[in-house]
Each structure stands twice: as C-alpha cells, then as structure tokens.
C-alpha cells in the first residue's frame, strides 16, 4: 500500500489511529451480528457470541487500524511495526520469560490492592457503577474460563490469549507507542503514556494498576528489543497462565486462596523485591544490548525505508 499520508505529524497519526479504532468497533459489532446469523452459529449461545465478538474486535477494531495507519504513513508497515526479526530472538524470548517471572509477585500485589480500593463516601454512586462494570467483565471472563473441554482450552489459548495479545500489541506498542515516541524524544515517556492509555481504554477501574504495570512492562520490552513479537509473547504468556491455571486447577482451594490473598506487609515486601529484581533485569539487559536499546526519538526517515 502506498504511504499516501507519509507527511502526517505524530499527532495526526494518533488521531487517525483512534478514528480507525472507533470505526472498527462499529464495524466489528455489525459483523458479529451478521456472523451469528449463520446457521449453526445462531444457536451457539452466549459463549459462541463472546468468541465471535472477541475475534471481530481483535481483528477489525484493533489489529487492522494499527496496520492501516502504519501502511498509510510508512512505506514498510510490517517493518515499521517491528514485526520482522532483528536477530538474537532466543535471547529476547528468554528475557521476556524472565521479566514475567520476576514481576509476577508485583503484579499480583497490585491486583489485590487495586481490587480492595474503596472510594470516598461522596463518590459511592460512582463506585457502584464501577463495581457493576467490573462484575460484568468478570462474569464474561468466568464464562469463558468455565469450559472444561480440550476444545474450550484451545479456543481460549488461541482467541483470549493469542489473538488478543497480537492485536493489542500491534495497536498499542507497534503503532501508538511509536507515534508517541516520534512526538516526544524520551522513550520512557512514550512507554508510560501508552501504558496509561492501554489501562484506561479497558474501562476496568479495579484492574487499572496491574494493567498499567503490564502496559509498562510490555512497553519496555518493545522499547529495548525493537521486536514486537517479544511483547506479543510476554502478553500471551500473561494471558495463557491464567487460562491454564483455571482449566487445570480452577476448583482447587489454593486457587481461591490466591485470588483472595490479603494485602499484608509481607506481601508488600515481596512485591517490592519483585519490582526491584524486574528493574535490575531490564537494567542488565540494557547494558548488555546497547545497540538495540533506543530510548531517544525515533527518526521517521530511517524507519520509513522499505518496499
């Protein structure tokens, strides 16, 4: 596709990215209804509708807008999105796995802390609305995770873990984070602004902090490795672990205890150590790979080269 909007400023790229997102959400909703009218799917029930809607949202509303804006503004959209290999893939995959393991306790602590937050009495009505939204999202998640067949496990790994990870990383890290970094010379600003938007657009107040951390980790993986697939792998692992745990041990007592783990001083200390270890891991990687770590402004003229 010819980059007809190659002269767009970063602000225009971001604006069109979200415009395409809005158009994609509407289109995905229409396509979902049409697909569910197909014989054999029309009687599939709520779970089938959720799967079809999830696929349409991931492909049409998230991945496609990212690719389109990259194609309209850059000669090599796949290269711009950093979806081509750039060497030392095995080392980078291991780095992503270690980041997940090291940061797990910190993410768990933030999740429990965030879930237990209470708004002031003057904001009680808002809290009820936020809780109802959270309950609705949790109900959908539990419905998908309640499947006890191998087919449901595979579907969840493909759709909920895999496709969602790929589409969201294309949109948020591949497109949005790079557009923001073109606007601001500091890559750290791009990472955390993207992470903030990533957490906000999920519209889950009681999952805001762990999702903000997730967005930050994904952003730094992308910033330091310059390979979108590393962020996709981390995102997939994050989603897949939850799916696999609920499939094999969903009814286990220890799973329920973990989900209700209280926020204690020892838990906070463990989370702090987890965060410190994660920070040091990124620091070591940055020192070992100075040639791929770019925290300064992305130069569009260099990125735009392609066929």
C-alpha atoms as a PDB file:
ATOM      1  CA  UNK A   1       0.000   0.000   0.000  1.00  0.00           C
ATOM      2  CA  UNK A   2       1.337   3.426  -0.941  1.00  0.00           C
ATOM      3  CA  UNK A   3       2.006   5.689   2.090  1.00  0.00           C
ATOM      4  CA  UNK A   4      -0.368   8.460   0.985  1.00  0.00           C
ATOM      5  CA  UNK A   5      -0.202  10.137   4.396  1.00  0.00           C
ATOM      6  CA  UNK A   6       3.580   9.986   4.822  1.00  0.00           C
ATOM      7  CA  UNK A   7       3.689  13.692   5.729  1.00  0.00           C
ATOM      8  CA  UNK A   8       1.366  13.257   8.717  1.00  0.00           C
ATOM      9  CA  UNK A   9       2.624  14.564  12.031  1.00  0.00           C
ATOM     10  CA  UNK A  10       2.632  12.182  15.020  1.00  0.00           C
ATOM     11  CA  UNK A  11      -0.470  13.917  16.388  1.00  0.00           C
ATOM     12  CA  UNK A  12      -2.386  13.243  13.170  1.00  0.00           C
ATOM     13  CA  UNK A  13      -1.236   9.612  13.185  1.00  0.00           C
ATOM     14  CA  UNK A  14      -2.548   9.160  16.711  1.00  0.00           C
ATOM     15  CA  UNK A  15      -5.824  10.880  15.849  1.00  0.00           C
ATOM     16  CA  UNK A  16      -6.381   8.676  12.797  1.00  0.00           C
ATOM     17  CA  UNK A  17      -5.377   5.576  14.747  1.00  0.00           C
ATOM     18  CA  UNK A  18      -8.195   6.172  17.230  1.00  0.00           C
ATOM     19  CA  UNK A  19     -10.589   7.198  14.466  1.00  0.00           C
ATOM     20  CA  UNK A  20      -9.932   3.869  12.758  1.00  0.00           C
ATOM     21  CA  UNK A  21     -10.393   2.193  16.138  1.00  0.00           C
ATOM     22  CA  UNK A  22     -13.828   3.773  16.548  1.00  0.00           C
ATOM     23  CA  UNK A  23     -14.823   2.797  13.023  1.00  0.00           C
ATOM     24  CA  UNK A  24     -13.501  -0.699  13.672  1.00  0.00           C
ATOM     25  CA  UNK A  25     -15.547  -1.101  16.856  1.00  0.00           C
ATOM     26  CA  UNK A  26     -18.744  -0.222  14.980  1.00  0.00           C
ATOM     27  CA  UNK A  27     -17.852  -2.472  12.036  1.00  0.00           C
ATOM     28  CA  UNK A  28     -16.895  -5.353  14.340  1.00  0.00           C
ATOM     29  CA  UNK A  29     -20.254  -5.089  16.087  1.00  0.00           C
ATOM     30  CA  UNK A  30     -22.125  -5.245  12.792  1.00  0.00           C
ATOM     31  CA  UNK A  31     -20.030  -8.160  11.505  1.00  0.00           C
ATOM     32  CA  UNK A  32     -20.522 -10.045  14.765  1.00  0.00           C
ATOM     33  CA  UNK A  33     -24.311  -9.813  14.435  1.00  0.00           C
ATOM     34  CA  UNK A  34     -24.164 -10.912  10.795  1.00  0.00           C
ATOM     35  CA  UNK A  35     -21.891 -13.877  11.540  1.00  0.00           C
ATOM     36  CA  UNK A  36     -24.108 -15.015  14.409  1.00  0.00           C
ATOM     37  CA  UNK A  37     -26.987 -15.260  11.925  1.00  0.00           C
ATOM     38  CA  UNK A  38     -25.178 -18.057  10.061  1.00  0.00           C
ATOM     39  CA  UNK A  39     -26.916 -21.430  10.541  1.00  0.00           C
ATOM     40  CA  UNK A  40     -25.047 -23.428  13.125  1.00  0.00           C
ATOM     41  CA  UNK A  41     -23.826 -20.345  14.951  1.00  0.00           C
ATOM     42  CA  UNK A  42     -27.182 -18.704  15.595  1.00  0.00           C
ATOM     43  CA  UNK A  43     -27.960 -21.252  18.299  1.00  0.00           C
ATOM     44  CA  UNK A  44     -24.465 -21.308  19.749  1.00  0.00           C
ATOM     45  CA  UNK A  45     -25.411 -19.423  22.873  1.00  0.00           C
ATOM     46  CA  UNK A  46     -23.678 -16.676  24.813  1.00  0.00           C
ATOM     47  CA  UNK A  47     -20.226 -18.258  24.776  1.00  0.00           C
ATOM     48  CA  UNK A  48     -20.216 -18.505  20.973  1.00  0.00           C
ATOM     49  CA  UNK A  49     -21.288 -14.875  20.729  1.00  0.00           C
ATOM     50  CA  UNK A  50     -18.430 -13.833  23.019  1.00  0.00           C
ATOM     51  CA  UNK A  51     -15.867 -15.747  20.953  1.00  0.00           C
ATOM     52  CA  UNK A  52     -17.117 -14.303  17.653  1.00  0.00           C
ATOM     53  CA  UNK A  53     -17.256 -10.804  19.126  1.00  0.00           C
ATOM     54  CA  UNK A  54     -13.746 -11.169  20.551  1.00  0.00           C
ATOM     55  CA  UNK A  55     -12.309 -12.252  17.206  1.00  0.00           C
ATOM     56  CA  UNK A  56     -14.012  -9.399  15.366  1.00  0.00           C
ATOM     57  CA  UNK A  57     -12.875  -6.840  17.940  1.00  0.00           C
ATOM     58  CA  UNK A  58      -9.294  -8.103  17.849  1.00  0.00           C
ATOM     59  CA  UNK A  59      -9.015  -8.242  14.061  1.00  0.00           C
ATOM     60  CA  UNK A  60     -11.242  -5.406  12.828  1.00  0.00           C
ATOM     61  CA  UNK A  61     -11.140  -2.931  15.715  1.00  0.00           C
ATOM     62  CA  UNK A  62      -7.564  -3.358  16.964  1.00  0.00           C
ATOM     63  CA  UNK A  63      -5.113  -5.062  14.592  1.00  0.00           C
ATOM     64  CA  UNK A  64      -6.488  -3.665  11.315  1.00  0.00           C
ATOM     65  CA  UNK A  65      -6.422   0.025  12.415  1.00  0.00           C
ATOM     66  CA  UNK A  66      -2.792  -0.369  13.523  1.00  0.00           C
ATOM     67  CA  UNK A  67      -1.762  -1.918  10.213  1.00  0.00           C
ATOM     68  CA  UNK A  68      -3.748   0.577   8.117  1.00  0.00           C
ATOM     69  CA  UNK A  69      -2.312   3.693   9.737  1.00  0.00           C
ATOM     70  CA  UNK A  70       1.198   2.212   9.501  1.00  0.00           C
ATOM     71  CA  UNK A  71       0.630   1.393   5.817  1.00  0.00           C
ATOM     72  CA  UNK A  72      -0.798   4.839   5.065  1.00  0.00           C
ATOM     73  CA  UNK A  73       2.088   6.668   6.724  1.00  0.00           C
ATOM     74  CA  UNK A  74       5.113   4.403   6.134  1.00  0.00           C
ATOM     75  CA  UNK A  75       6.455   2.568   3.084  1.00  0.00           C
ATOM     76  CA  UNK A  76       7.157  -0.630   5.034  1.00  0.00           C
ATOM     77  CA  UNK A  77       4.271  -1.083   7.526  1.00  0.00           C
ATOM     78  CA  UNK A  78       5.370  -4.513   8.777  1.00  0.00           C
ATOM     79  CA  UNK A  79       8.901  -3.243   9.295  1.00  0.00           C
ATOM     80  CA  UNK A  80       7.647  -0.098  10.995  1.00  0.00           C
ATOM     81  CA  UNK A  81       5.534  -2.130  13.414  1.00  0.00           C
ATOM     82  CA  UNK A  82       8.720  -4.090  14.207  1.00  0.00           C
ATOM     83  CA  UNK A  83       7.145  -7.387  13.150  1.00  0.00           C
ATOM     84  CA  UNK A  84      10.277  -8.592  11.363  1.00  0.00           C
ATOM     85  CA  UNK A  85      13.098 -10.395  13.120  1.00  0.00           C
ATOM     86  CA  UNK A  86      16.173  -8.400  14.108  1.00  0.00           C
ATOM     87  CA  UNK A  87      18.422 -11.119  15.497  1.00  0.00           C
ATOM     88  CA  UNK A  88      19.078 -12.805  18.866  1.00  0.00           C
ATOM     89  CA  UNK A  89      15.457 -13.882  19.107  1.00  0.00           C
ATOM     90  CA  UNK A  90      16.111 -16.705  21.546  1.00  0.00           C
ATOM     91  CA  UNK A  91      17.837 -14.383  23.996  1.00  0.00           C
ATOM     92  CA  UNK A  92      14.993 -11.887  23.763  1.00  0.00           C
ATOM     93  CA  UNK A  93      12.334 -14.546  24.318  1.00  0.00           C
ATOM     94  CA  UNK A  94      14.180 -15.729  27.423  1.00  0.00           C
ATOM     95  CA  UNK A  95      14.375 -12.115  28.573  1.00  0.00           C
ATOM     96  CA  UNK A  96      10.593 -11.797  28.229  1.00  0.00           C
ATOM     97  CA  UNK A  97      10.021 -15.024  30.185  1.00  0.00           C
ATOM     98  CA  UNK A  98      12.317 -13.845  32.987  1.00  0.00           C
ATOM     99  CA  UNK A  99      10.549 -10.475  33.129  1.00  0.00           C
ATOM    100  CA  UNK A 100       7.238 -12.283  33.545  1.00  0.00           C
ATOM    101  CA  UNK A 101       8.571 -14.491  36.335  1.00  0.00           C
ATOM    102  CA  UNK A 102      10.347 -11.684  38.181  1.00  0.00           C
ATOM    103  CA  UNK A 103       7.391  -9.288  38.012  1.00  0.00           C
ATOM    104  CA  UNK A 104       4.672 -11.810  38.887  1.00  0.00           C
ATOM    105  CA  UNK A 105       4.532 -11.036  42.618  1.00  0.00           C
ATOM    106  CA  UNK A 106       4.432  -7.290  41.999  1.00  0.00           C
ATOM    107  CA  UNK A 107       1.571  -7.693  39.517  1.00  0.00           C
ATOM    108  CA  UNK A 108      -0.318  -9.942  41.964  1.00  0.00           C
ATOM    109  CA  UNK A 109       0.121  -7.440  44.779  1.00  0.00           C
ATOM    110  CA  UNK A 110      -1.128  -4.530  42.660  1.00  0.00           C
ATOM    111  CA  UNK A 111      -4.098  -6.626  41.548  1.00  0.00           C
ATOM    112  CA  UNK A 112      -5.146  -7.426  45.112  1.00  0.00           C
ATOM    113  CA  UNK A 113      -4.531  -3.883  46.318  1.00  0.00           C
ATOM    114  CA  UNK A 114      -6.481  -2.385  43.425  1.00  0.00           C
ATOM    115  CA  UNK A 115      -9.443  -4.740  43.914  1.00  0.00           C
ATOM    116  CA  UNK A 116      -9.723  -3.701  47.548  1.00  0.00           C
ATOM    117  CA  UNK A 117      -9.758   0.049  46.912  1.00  0.00           C
ATOM    118  CA  UNK A 118     -12.767   1.985  48.178  1.00  0.00           C
ATOM    119  CA  UNK A 119     -13.800   5.439  47.007  1.00  0.00           C
ATOM    120  CA  UNK A 120     -14.881   8.187  49.445  1.00  0.00           C
ATOM    121  CA  UNK A 121     -18.483   8.143  50.665  1.00  0.00           C
ATOM    122  CA  UNK A 122     -19.249  11.156  48.459  1.00  0.00           C
ATOM    123  CA  UNK A 123     -18.426   9.005  45.404  1.00  0.00           C
ATOM    124  CA  UNK A 124     -20.490   5.995  46.475  1.00  0.00           C
ATOM    125  CA  UNK A 125     -22.726   6.048  43.391  1.00  0.00           C
ATOM    126  CA  UNK A 126     -19.700   6.137  41.091  1.00  0.00           C
ATOM    127  CA  UNK A 127     -18.181   3.231  42.983  1.00  0.00           C
ATOM    128  CA  UNK A 128     -21.353   1.196  42.479  1.00  0.00           C
ATOM    129  CA  UNK A 129     -21.224   1.877  38.740  1.00  0.00           C
ATOM    130  CA  UNK A 130     -17.541   0.912  38.594  1.00  0.00           C
ATOM    131  CA  UNK A 131     -18.212  -2.257  40.592  1.00  0.00           C
ATOM    132  CA  UNK A 132     -21.064  -3.224  38.264  1.00  0.00           C
ATOM    133  CA  UNK A 133     -18.816  -2.773  35.225  1.00  0.00           C
ATOM    134  CA  UNK A 134     -16.143  -4.870  36.925  1.00  0.00           C
ATOM    135  CA  UNK A 135     -18.674  -7.584  37.780  1.00  0.00           C
ATOM    136  CA  UNK A 136     -19.903  -7.680  34.176  1.00  0.00           C
ATOM    137  CA  UNK A 137     -16.352  -8.065  32.851  1.00  0.00           C
ATOM    138  CA  UNK A 138     -15.629 -10.745  35.457  1.00  0.00           C
ATOM    139  CA  UNK A 139     -18.792 -12.617  34.505  1.00  0.00           C
ATOM    140  CA  UNK A 140     -17.701 -12.714  30.859  1.00  0.00           C
ATOM    141  CA  UNK A 141     -14.217 -13.884  31.806  1.00  0.00           C
ATOM    142  CA  UNK A 142     -15.539 -16.589  34.117  1.00  0.00           C
ATOM    143  CA  UNK A 143     -17.931 -17.776  31.423  1.00  0.00           C
ATOM    144  CA  UNK A 144     -15.048 -18.311  29.008  1.00  0.00           C
ATOM    145  CA  UNK A 145     -12.826 -19.914  31.642  1.00  0.00           C
ATOM    146  CA  UNK A 146     -15.585 -22.237  32.841  1.00  0.00           C
ATOM    147  CA  UNK A 147     -15.188 -24.529  29.843  1.00  0.00           C
ATOM    148  CA  UNK A 148     -13.836 -27.935  30.867  1.00  0.00           C
ATOM    149  CA  UNK A 149     -13.124 -29.463  27.455  1.00  0.00           C
ATOM    150  CA  UNK A 150      -9.870 -29.529  25.492  1.00  0.00           C
ATOM    151  CA  UNK A 151     -11.695 -27.609  22.756  1.00  0.00           C
ATOM    152  CA  UNK A 152     -12.504 -24.749  25.129  1.00  0.00           C
ATOM    153  CA  UNK A 153      -8.888 -24.679  26.352  1.00  0.00           C
ATOM    154  CA  UNK A 154      -7.541 -24.451  22.802  1.00  0.00           C
ATOM    155  CA  UNK A 155     -10.080 -21.765  21.869  1.00  0.00           C
ATOM    156  CA  UNK A 156      -9.169 -19.690  24.909  1.00  0.00           C
ATOM    157  CA  UNK A 157      -5.451 -20.005  24.185  1.00  0.00           C
ATOM    158  CA  UNK A 158      -5.983 -19.016  20.552  1.00  0.00           C
ATOM    159  CA  UNK A 159      -8.566 -16.244  20.965  1.00  0.00           C
ATOM    160  CA  UNK A 160      -8.282 -14.887  24.505  1.00  0.00           C
ATOM    161  CA  UNK A 161      -4.524 -15.314  24.868  1.00  0.00           C
ATOM    162  CA  UNK A 162      -3.036 -15.382  21.365  1.00  0.00           C
ATOM    163  CA  UNK A 163      -5.184 -13.199  19.121  1.00  0.00           C
ATOM    164  CA  UNK A 164      -5.812 -10.624  21.829  1.00  0.00           C
ATOM    165  CA  UNK A 165      -2.072 -10.390  22.557  1.00  0.00           C
ATOM    166  CA  UNK A 166      -1.160  -9.949  18.889  1.00  0.00           C
ATOM    167  CA  UNK A 167      -3.838  -7.365  18.085  1.00  0.00           C
ATOM    168  CA  UNK A 168      -3.309  -5.275  21.223  1.00  0.00           C
ATOM    169  CA  UNK A 169       0.458  -5.217  20.792  1.00  0.00           C
ATOM    170  CA  UNK A 170       0.102  -4.125  17.163  1.00  0.00           C
ATOM    171  CA  UNK A 171      -2.167  -1.278  18.242  1.00  0.00           C
ATOM    172  CA  UNK A 172      -0.564  -0.096  21.475  1.00  0.00           C
ATOM    173  CA  UNK A 173       3.138  -0.873  21.122  1.00  0.00           C
ATOM    174  CA  UNK A 174       3.641  -1.214  17.371  1.00  0.00           C
ATOM    175  CA  UNK A 175       1.621   1.861  16.421  1.00  0.00           C
ATOM    176  CA  UNK A 176       0.655   4.088  19.357  1.00  0.00           C
ATOM    177  CA  UNK A 177       3.884   3.890  21.363  1.00  0.00           C
ATOM    178  CA  UNK A 178       5.995   4.625  18.300  1.00  0.00           C
ATOM    179  CA  UNK A 179       3.795   7.548  17.285  1.00  0.00           C
ATOM    180  CA  UNK A 180       4.120   8.995  20.783  1.00  0.00           C
ATOM    181  CA  UNK A 181       7.882   8.478  20.682  1.00  0.00           C
ATOM    182  CA  UNK A 182       8.009  10.358  17.394  1.00  0.00           C
ATOM    183  CA  UNK A 183       6.297  13.236  19.214  1.00  0.00           C
ATOM    184  CA  UNK A 184       8.344  13.128  22.420  1.00  0.00           C
ATOM    185  CA  UNK A 185      12.110  12.482  22.399  1.00  0.00           C
ATOM    186  CA  UNK A 186      12.054  10.392  25.589  1.00  0.00           C
ATOM    187  CA  UNK A 187      11.176   6.721  25.110  1.00  0.00           C
ATOM    188  CA  UNK A 188      10.231   6.371  28.783  1.00  0.00           C
ATOM    189  CA  UNK A 189       7.502   8.974  28.302  1.00  0.00           C
ATOM    190  CA  UNK A 190       6.198   7.011  25.314  1.00  0.00           C
ATOM    191  CA  UNK A 191       6.153   3.784  27.323  1.00  0.00           C
ATOM    192  CA  UNK A 192       4.173   5.155  30.256  1.00  0.00           C
ATOM    193  CA  UNK A 193       1.789   7.318  28.231  1.00  0.00           C
ATOM    194  CA  UNK A 194       0.951   4.264  26.142  1.00  0.00           C
ATOM    195  CA  UNK A 195       0.616   2.129  29.274  1.00  0.00           C
ATOM    196  CA  UNK A 196      -1.750   4.696  30.782  1.00  0.00           C
ATOM    197  CA  UNK A 197      -3.939   4.741  27.669  1.00  0.00           C
ATOM    198  CA  UNK A 198      -3.752   0.936  27.485  1.00  0.00           C
ATOM    199  CA  UNK A 199      -5.098   0.650  31.031  1.00  0.00           C
ATOM    200  CA  UNK A 200      -7.735   3.376  30.688  1.00  0.00           C
ATOM    201  CA  UNK A 201      -9.342   2.037  27.500  1.00  0.00           C
ATOM    202  CA  UNK A 202     -10.065  -1.302  29.174  1.00  0.00           C
ATOM    203  CA  UNK A 203     -12.560   0.571  31.415  1.00  0.00           C
ATOM    204  CA  UNK A 204     -11.827  -1.522  34.499  1.00  0.00           C
ATOM    205  CA  UNK A 205     -11.020   0.717  37.464  1.00  0.00           C
ATOM    206  CA  UNK A 206     -10.381  -2.215  39.800  1.00  0.00           C
ATOM    207  CA  UNK A 207      -7.832  -3.644  37.406  1.00  0.00           C
ATOM    208  CA  UNK A 208      -6.211  -0.329  36.495  1.00  0.00           C
ATOM    209  CA  UNK A 209      -2.935  -0.645  38.437  1.00  0.00           C
ATOM    210  CA  UNK A 210      -1.913  -4.179  37.383  1.00  0.00           C
ATOM    211  CA  UNK A 211      -2.839  -3.362  33.790  1.00  0.00           C
ATOM    212  CA  UNK A 212      -0.780  -0.163  33.995  1.00  0.00           C
ATOM    213  CA  UNK A 213       2.182  -2.239  35.158  1.00  0.00           C
ATOM    214  CA  UNK A 214       1.542  -4.757  32.370  1.00  0.00           C
ATOM    215  CA  UNK A 215       1.496  -1.941  29.825  1.00  0.00           C
ATOM    216  CA  UNK A 216       4.757  -0.580  31.208  1.00  0.00           C
ATOM    217  CA  UNK A 217       6.497  -3.966  31.049  1.00  0.00           C
ATOM    218  CA  UNK A 218       5.240  -4.565  27.509  1.00  0.00           C
ATOM    219  CA  UNK A 219       6.340  -1.075  26.522  1.00  0.00           C
ATOM    220  CA  UNK A 220       9.870  -1.538  27.821  1.00  0.00           C
ATOM    221  CA  UNK A 221      10.180  -4.957  26.212  1.00  0.00           C
ATOM    222  CA  UNK A 222       9.280  -3.346  22.901  1.00  0.00           C
ATOM    223  CA  UNK A 223      11.486  -0.311  23.511  1.00  0.00           C
ATOM    224  CA  UNK A 224      14.530  -2.400  24.423  1.00  0.00           C
ATOM    225  CA  UNK A 225      14.228  -5.310  21.974  1.00  0.00           C
ATOM    226  CA  UNK A 226      12.766  -3.392  18.988  1.00  0.00           C
ATOM    227  CA  UNK A 227      10.807  -6.560  18.204  1.00  0.00           C
ATOM    228  CA  UNK A 228       7.019  -6.581  18.558  1.00  0.00           C
ATOM    229  CA  UNK A 229       6.922 -10.380  18.778  1.00  0.00           C
ATOM    230  CA  UNK A 230       8.711 -10.260  22.135  1.00  0.00           C
ATOM    231  CA  UNK A 231       5.919  -8.111  23.563  1.00  0.00           C
ATOM    232  CA  UNK A 232       3.361 -10.423  21.973  1.00  0.00           C
ATOM    233  CA  UNK A 233       4.996 -13.463  23.592  1.00  0.00           C
ATOM    234  CA  UNK A 234       5.021 -11.801  27.024  1.00  0.00           C
ATOM    235  CA  UNK A 235       1.387 -10.730  26.614  1.00  0.00           C
ATOM    236  CA  UNK A 236       0.440 -14.242  25.507  1.00  0.00           C
ATOM    237  CA  UNK A 237       2.182 -15.826  28.498  1.00  0.00           C
ATOM    238  CA  UNK A 238       0.427 -13.417  30.859  1.00  0.00           C
ATOM    239  CA  UNK A 239      -2.984 -14.387  29.458  1.00  0.00           C
ATOM    240  CA  UNK A 240      -2.222 -18.071  28.950  1.00  0.00           C
ATOM    241  CA  UNK A 241      -1.055 -18.666  32.522  1.00  0.00           C
ATOM    242  CA  UNK A 242      -4.443 -17.536  33.858  1.00  0.00           C
ATOM    243  CA  UNK A 243      -6.288 -19.702  31.335  1.00  0.00           C
ATOM    244  CA  UNK A 244      -4.220 -22.813  32.061  1.00  0.00           C
ATOM    245  CA  UNK A 245      -4.419 -22.372  35.841  1.00  0.00           C
ATOM    246  CA  UNK A 246      -8.206 -22.097  35.726  1.00  0.00           C
ATOM    247  CA  UNK A 247      -8.525 -25.046  33.340  1.00  0.00           C
ATOM    248  CA  UNK A 248      -6.489 -27.476  35.421  1.00  0.00           C
ATOM    249  CA  UNK A 249      -6.946 -26.102  38.934  1.00  0.00           C
ATOM    250  CA  UNK A 250      -9.982 -23.818  38.743  1.00  0.00           C
ATOM    251  CA  UNK A 251     -11.806 -25.681  41.529  1.00  0.00           C
ATOM    252  CA  UNK A 252      -8.760 -26.049  43.760  1.00  0.00           C
ATOM    253  CA  UNK A 253      -8.721 -24.449  47.173  1.00  0.00           C
ATOM    254  CA  UNK A 254      -5.291 -22.897  46.647  1.00  0.00           C
ATOM    255  CA  UNK A 255      -6.521 -21.023  43.575  1.00  0.00           C
ATOM    256  CA  UNK A 256      -9.343 -19.471  45.599  1.00  0.00           C
ATOM    257  CA  UNK A 257      -6.904 -18.574  48.371  1.00  0.00           C
ATOM    258  CA  UNK A 258      -4.583 -16.853  45.914  1.00  0.00           C
ATOM    259  CA  UNK A 259      -7.477 -14.846  44.452  1.00  0.00           C
ATOM    260  CA  UNK A 260      -8.457 -13.688  47.957  1.00  0.00           C
ATOM    261  CA  UNK A 261      -4.934 -13.160  49.292  1.00  0.00           C
ATOM    262  CA  UNK A 262      -4.954 -10.196  51.728  1.00  0.00           C
ATOM    263  CA  UNK A 263      -2.675  -7.204  51.262  1.00  0.00           C
ATOM    264  CA  UNK A 264      -0.202  -7.600  54.129  1.00  0.00           C
ATOM    265  CA  UNK A 265       3.186  -6.146  54.980  1.00  0.00           C
ATOM    266  CA  UNK A 266       4.991  -9.321  53.982  1.00  0.00           C
ATOM    267  CA  UNK A 267       3.115  -9.375  50.661  1.00  0.00           C
ATOM    268  CA  UNK A 268       4.115  -5.746  50.058  1.00  0.00           C
ATOM    269  CA  UNK A 269       7.762  -6.562  50.875  1.00  0.00           C
ATOM    270  CA  UNK A 270       7.732  -9.491  48.443  1.00  0.00           C
ATOM    271  CA  UNK A 271       6.176  -7.241  45.802  1.00  0.00           C
ATOM    272  CA  UNK A 272       8.889  -4.641  46.392  1.00  0.00           C
ATOM    273  CA  UNK A 273      11.619  -7.252  45.934  1.00  0.00           C
ATOM    274  CA  UNK A 274       9.837  -8.450  42.794  1.00  0.00           C
ATOM    275  CA  UNK A 275       9.774  -4.917  41.416  1.00  0.00           C
ATOM    276  CA  UNK A 276      13.454  -4.342  42.247  1.00  0.00           C
ATOM    277  CA  UNK A 277      14.511  -7.589  40.587  1.00  0.00           C
ATOM    278  CA  UNK A 278      12.488  -6.696  37.487  1.00  0.00           C
ATOM    279  CA  UNK A 279      14.076  -3.247  37.322  1.00  0.00           C
ATOM    280  CA  UNK A 280      17.574  -4.741  37.646  1.00  0.00           C
ATOM    281  CA  UNK A 281      16.779  -7.296  34.942  1.00  0.00           C
ATOM    282  CA  UNK A 282      15.885  -4.527  32.495  1.00  0.00           C
ATOM    283  CA  UNK A 283      18.991  -2.608  33.525  1.00  0.00           C
ATOM    284  CA  UNK A 284      21.258  -5.599  32.881  1.00  0.00           C
ATOM    285  CA  UNK A 285      19.647  -6.243  29.502  1.00  0.00           C
ATOM    286  CA  UNK A 286      20.081  -2.599  28.519  1.00  0.00           C
ATOM    287  CA  UNK A 287      23.780  -2.669  29.368  1.00  0.00           C
ATOM    288  CA  UNK A 288      24.324  -5.944  27.518  1.00  0.00           C
ATOM    289  CA  UNK A 289      22.454  -4.787  24.387  1.00  0.00           C
ATOM    290  CA  UNK A 290      23.158  -1.069  23.892  1.00  0.00           C
ATOM    291  CA  UNK A 291      22.837  -1.428  20.113  1.00  0.00           C
ATOM    292  CA  UNK A 292      19.120  -2.334  20.240  1.00  0.00           C
ATOM    293  CA  UNK A 293      18.018  -0.204  23.188  1.00  0.00           C
ATOM    294  CA  UNK A 294      16.732   3.111  21.854  1.00  0.00           C
ATOM    295  CA  UNK A 295      15.116   5.491  24.314  1.00  0.00           C
ATOM    296  CA  UNK A 296      15.542   8.615  22.204  1.00  0.00           C
ATOM    297  CA  UNK A 297      13.343   9.965  19.445  1.00  0.00           C
ATOM    298  CA  UNK A 298      12.504   7.624  16.579  1.00  0.00           C
ATOM    299  CA  UNK A 299      13.632   9.143  13.287  1.00  0.00           C
ATOM    300  CA  UNK A 300      10.831   8.604  10.742  1.00  0.00           C
ATOM    301  CA  UNK A 301      13.129   8.966   7.740  1.00  0.00           C
ATOM    302  CA  UNK A 302      15.080   5.890   8.825  1.00  0.00           C
ATOM    303  CA  UNK A 303      12.027   3.827   9.769  1.00  0.00           C
ATOM    304  CA  UNK A 304      10.197   4.683   6.553  1.00  0.00           C
ATOM    305  CA  UNK A 305      12.623   2.843   4.292  1.00  0.00           C
ATOM    306  CA  UNK A 306      11.048  -0.207   2.797  1.00  0.00           C
ATOM    307  CA  UNK A 307       9.438  -1.682  -0.229  1.00  0.00           C
END
